[in-house]
Amino acid sequence: MYVLEYYKQLREDSIKVQNQVFELYNKYYMVPTFQTFRLVENNHIQLASEDEEHSLMEFSIYTSRVQEKTAMEHYAENPPAEITPRMTEFLEVALQSHVDIFEVEHVDKEDGTIQLLTMTGEERGRPFCLVDWGFSQTMKPNMLVYTRFIPFPESFQERDYYGDIGMTSGVSYLFHGKDREKILKEANRLARRFKIEDKEVRKQVVYFHVHRKFGIQKELI
């Protein structure tokens, strides 16, 4: 249960860091984010839910670039004086995060862990161990989840876990496993349509729109 307690502590610090980053930098990053996601129409932003707003906020923190750097990178270079050691620890691993779509292979409700397999790209089939108490109580094998994987520090990676171990940023898209082929086909179609060179940006924009069409509403799981 130690890893679950560590997760709960790191989650608290992740929220503090992400909120600070957004407060400091959102005025520079949100407009480019709306444009990147193709959501500006007749000078209005077209959002379908609060979850979509959270997705765009997350993108503006971790992925969108101004002066060739993300908001998180700017924050890391000039952290506030009141930043704590644990917040610094989260910041270091957050900068190593990546986004992808995964298949849920196994769920352990007692430990609060979810075993995932990467579904696409060169790392297809690579295992990850996601620690998330809430998701572990509702997710089921064969479901698909698109999320940002934030690795735990190196000391955790040396232990006997199922693949790299870590957590999410708090933003995820969920899908039924039965829709796998339709989801991947739609993702490929949108990737060709949007023609975004940066792989991390392309994934986030594509799966934002795929989720609009095929995603599971969280209240239904």
Protein backbone atom coordinates (compact mmCIF):
# COMPACT_ATOMS: atom_id res chain seq x y z
CA MET A 1 0.00 0.00 0.00
CA TYR A 2 3.06 2.26 0.21
CA VAL A 3 2.87 3.10 -3.48
CA LEU A 4 -0.79 4.11 -3.13
CA GLU A 5 0.02 6.46 -0.26
CA TYR A 6 2.87 7.94 -2.26
CA TYR A 7 0.50 8.43 -5.18
CA LYS A 8 -1.99 10.31 -2.98
CA GLN A 9 0.75 12.64 -1.74
CA LEU A 10 2.14 13.24 -5.22
CA ARG A 11 -1.36 13.83 -6.58
CA GLU A 12 -1.86 16.65 -4.06
CA ASP A 13 1.40 18.26 -5.15
CA SER A 14 0.59 17.77 -8.83
CA ILE A 15 -2.60 19.77 -8.39
CA LYS A 16 -0.70 22.58 -6.66
CA VAL A 17 1.94 22.74 -9.41
CA GLN A 18 -0.55 22.54 -12.28
CA ASN A 19 -2.73 25.26 -10.75
CA GLN A 20 0.28 27.54 -10.26
CA VAL A 21 1.50 26.97 -13.81
CA PHE A 22 -1.92 27.72 -15.25
CA GLU A 23 -2.37 30.87 -13.16
CA LEU A 24 1.05 32.18 -14.19
CA TYR A 25 1.01 31.33 -17.88
CA ASN A 26 -2.53 30.74 -19.17
CA LYS A 27 -2.79 34.23 -20.69
CA TYR A 28 0.07 33.30 -23.04
CA TYR A 29 -0.96 29.74 -23.85
CA MET A 30 -4.75 29.42 -24.01
CA VAL A 31 -5.40 31.29 -27.27
CA PRO A 32 -2.80 29.24 -29.17
CA THR A 33 -4.33 26.12 -27.60
CA PHE A 34 -7.83 26.93 -28.89
CA GLN A 35 -6.39 27.52 -32.35
CA THR A 36 -4.39 24.28 -32.32
CA PHE A 37 -7.52 22.26 -31.46
CA ARG A 38 -9.55 23.86 -34.29
CA LEU A 39 -12.14 25.12 -31.82
CA VAL A 40 -12.42 28.78 -32.86
CA GLU A 41 -15.45 29.43 -35.06
CA ASN A 42 -16.74 32.94 -35.80
CA ASN A 43 -14.65 34.21 -32.86
CA HIS A 44 -16.36 31.77 -30.49
CA ILE A 45 -14.89 28.78 -28.67
CA GLN A 46 -16.89 25.60 -29.22
CA LEU A 47 -16.67 23.32 -26.15
CA ALA A 48 -19.05 20.46 -25.39
CA SER A 49 -18.34 19.93 -21.69
CA GLU A 50 -16.34 20.93 -18.63
CA ASP A 51 -14.11 17.91 -19.26
CA GLU A 52 -13.11 19.42 -22.59
CA GLU A 53 -12.16 22.64 -20.84
CA HIS A 54 -9.95 20.65 -18.46
CA SER A 55 -8.34 18.91 -21.45
CA LEU A 56 -7.42 22.22 -23.03
CA MET A 57 -6.04 23.53 -19.75
CA GLU A 58 -3.87 20.42 -19.45
CA PHE A 59 -2.61 20.87 -23.01
CA SER A 60 -1.77 24.53 -22.33
CA ILE A 61 0.31 23.45 -19.31
CA TYR A 62 2.20 20.48 -20.72
CA THR A 63 2.29 20.66 -24.51
CA SER A 64 1.58 24.04 -26.11
CA ARG A 65 4.77 26.01 -26.82
CA VAL A 66 5.49 29.73 -26.64
CA GLN A 67 9.04 30.83 -27.36
CA GLU A 68 9.82 27.15 -27.99
CA LYS A 69 8.98 26.13 -24.43
CA THR A 70 5.94 24.74 -22.63
CA ALA A 71 4.41 26.53 -19.66
CA MET A 72 5.70 23.72 -17.44
CA GLU A 73 9.24 24.26 -18.74
CA HIS A 74 9.03 28.01 -18.13
CA TYR A 75 7.79 27.29 -14.59
CA ALA A 76 10.64 24.84 -13.95
CA GLU A 77 13.18 27.45 -14.98
CA ASN A 78 11.66 30.09 -12.69
CA PRO A 79 9.89 28.28 -9.83
CA PRO A 80 8.17 30.37 -7.14
CA ALA A 81 10.00 30.84 -3.86
CA GLU A 82 7.33 28.89 -1.96
CA ILE A 83 7.73 25.69 -3.97
CA THR A 84 8.19 22.66 -1.68
CA PRO A 85 10.57 19.70 -2.13
CA ARG A 86 7.66 17.42 -3.00
CA MET A 87 6.35 19.88 -5.58
CA THR A 88 9.85 19.98 -7.07
CA GLU A 89 9.85 16.18 -7.17
CA PHE A 90 6.59 16.20 -9.10
CA LEU A 91 7.87 18.88 -11.46
CA GLU A 92 10.89 16.77 -12.37
CA VAL A 93 8.81 13.74 -13.37
CA ALA A 94 6.09 15.84 -15.04
CA LEU A 95 8.68 17.05 -17.53
CA GLN A 96 9.25 13.39 -18.52
CA SER A 97 5.56 12.68 -19.19
CA HIS A 98 4.02 11.61 -22.47
CA VAL A 99 0.55 11.02 -23.93
CA ASP A 100 -0.74 7.85 -25.56
CA ILE A 101 -3.69 5.52 -25.93
CA PHE A 102 -3.58 2.33 -23.87
CA GLU A 103 -5.54 -0.87 -23.44
CA VAL A 104 -6.49 -1.87 -19.90
CA GLU A 105 -5.13 -5.37 -19.32
CA HIS A 106 -5.76 -5.85 -15.59
CA VAL A 107 -7.21 -3.86 -12.67
CA ASP A 108 -6.35 -4.33 -8.99
CA LYS A 109 -8.96 -2.51 -6.92
CA GLU A 110 -7.21 -3.23 -3.62
CA ASP A 111 -3.84 -1.80 -4.68
CA GLY A 112 -5.38 0.95 -6.80
CA THR A 113 -3.35 -0.05 -9.86
CA ILE A 114 -4.20 -0.59 -13.53
CA GLN A 115 -2.00 -2.55 -15.92
CA LEU A 116 -1.86 -0.92 -19.36
CA LEU A 117 -0.45 -1.78 -22.77
CA THR A 118 0.48 0.87 -25.33
CA MET A 119 -1.69 0.43 -28.42
CA THR A 120 0.11 2.29 -31.21
CA GLY A 121 3.45 3.40 -32.55
CA GLU A 122 6.93 2.01 -32.07
CA GLU A 123 6.21 1.20 -28.41
CA ARG A 124 3.07 -0.81 -29.15
CA GLY A 125 2.65 -3.49 -26.49
CA ARG A 126 4.88 -1.75 -23.94
CA PRO A 127 3.51 -2.27 -20.41
CA PHE A 128 2.78 0.48 -17.90
CA CYS A 129 1.42 0.39 -14.37
CA LEU A 130 -0.95 3.25 -13.61
CA VAL A 131 -1.69 4.14 -9.99
CA ASP A 132 -5.11 5.77 -9.68
CA TRP A 133 -7.53 4.92 -6.90
CA GLY A 134 -10.61 6.34 -8.62
CA PHE A 135 -9.98 4.68 -11.98
CA SER A 136 -9.11 1.36 -10.34
CA GLN A 137 -12.60 1.20 -8.85
CA THR A 138 -14.40 1.74 -12.16
CA MET A 139 -12.17 0.58 -15.03
CA LYS A 140 -12.49 -2.87 -16.55
CA PRO A 141 -10.13 -4.99 -18.66
CA ASN A 142 -10.26 -4.31 -22.42
CA MET A 143 -11.36 -0.71 -21.95
CA LEU A 144 -9.20 1.88 -23.71
CA VAL A 145 -7.81 4.99 -22.06
CA TYR A 146 -6.06 7.94 -23.62
CA THR A 147 -4.06 9.82 -21.02
CA ARG A 148 -0.83 11.51 -20.03
CA PHE A 149 1.47 9.09 -18.22
CA ILE A 150 3.63 10.79 -15.58
CA PRO A 151 6.33 8.38 -14.33
CA PHE A 152 7.16 8.05 -10.66
CA PRO A 153 10.78 8.78 -9.67
CA GLU A 154 13.53 6.35 -10.67
CA SER A 155 13.57 4.64 -7.26
CA PHE A 156 10.07 3.25 -7.97
CA GLN A 157 10.98 2.04 -11.45
CA GLU A 158 13.57 -0.35 -10.03
CA ARG A 159 10.95 -2.32 -8.11
CA ASP A 160 9.01 -5.33 -9.33
CA TYR A 161 6.07 -3.58 -11.00
CA TYR A 162 4.29 -4.32 -14.26
CA GLY A 163 6.24 -1.96 -16.54
CA ASP A 164 6.99 1.67 -15.72
CA ILE A 165 4.86 2.91 -12.85
CA GLY A 166 3.24 6.33 -12.63
CA MET A 167 0.04 8.35 -12.66
CA THR A 168 -2.01 10.62 -14.90
CA SER A 169 -2.18 14.41 -14.94
CA GLY A 170 -5.87 14.13 -14.02
CA VAL A 171 -7.17 14.28 -17.60
CA SER A 172 -8.14 11.10 -19.48
CA TYR A 173 -10.42 9.94 -22.29
CA LEU A 174 -12.16 6.58 -21.89
CA PHE A 175 -13.44 4.26 -24.64
CA HIS A 176 -15.13 0.88 -24.95
CA GLY A 177 -12.80 -1.86 -26.14
CA LYS A 178 -15.39 -3.02 -28.68
CA ASP A 179 -14.87 0.26 -30.54
CA ARG A 180 -11.11 -0.27 -30.90
CA GLU A 181 -11.00 -0.56 -34.70
CA LYS A 182 -13.33 2.39 -35.24
CA ILE A 183 -11.30 4.53 -32.81
CA LEU A 184 -7.96 3.78 -34.43
CA LYS A 185 -9.40 4.28 -37.92
CA GLU A 186 -10.86 7.65 -36.92
CA ALA A 187 -7.59 8.66 -35.25
CA ASN A 188 -5.65 7.88 -38.43
CA ARG A 189 -8.17 9.81 -40.53
CA LEU A 190 -7.94 12.88 -38.30
CA ALA A 191 -4.14 12.71 -38.18
CA ARG A 192 -4.07 12.90 -41.99
CA ARG A 193 -6.62 15.72 -41.97
CA PHE A 194 -4.90 17.92 -39.36
CA LYS A 195 -1.33 17.35 -40.63
CA ILE A 196 0.30 18.34 -37.34
CA GLU A 197 4.03 17.66 -37.36
CA ASP A 198 4.66 17.44 -33.61
CA LYS A 199 3.69 13.93 -32.48
CA GLU A 200 2.59 14.86 -28.93
CA VAL A 201 0.48 17.76 -30.20
CA ARG A 202 -1.03 15.61 -32.95
CA LYS A 203 -2.05 12.86 -30.51
CA GLN A 204 -3.77 15.27 -28.16
CA VAL A 205 -5.70 17.09 -30.86
CA VAL A 206 -6.69 13.87 -32.62
CA TYR A 207 -7.92 12.03 -29.51
CA PHE A 208 -9.77 15.10 -28.26
CA HIS A 209 -11.90 14.88 -31.38
CA VAL A 210 -12.05 11.06 -31.35
CA HIS A 211 -13.41 11.27 -27.80
CA ARG A 212 -16.18 13.57 -28.97
CA LYS A 213 -17.36 10.80 -31.29
CA PHE A 214 -16.62 7.56 -29.42
CA GLY A 215 -15.76 8.48 -25.83
CA ILE A 216 -17.43 7.16 -22.67
CA GLN A 217 -18.91 9.75 -20.35
CA LYS A 218 -17.24 9.30 -16.95
CA GLU A 219 -20.55 9.25 -15.13
CA LEU A 220 -21.54 6.15 -17.10
CA ILE A 221 -18.69 3.88 -15.98
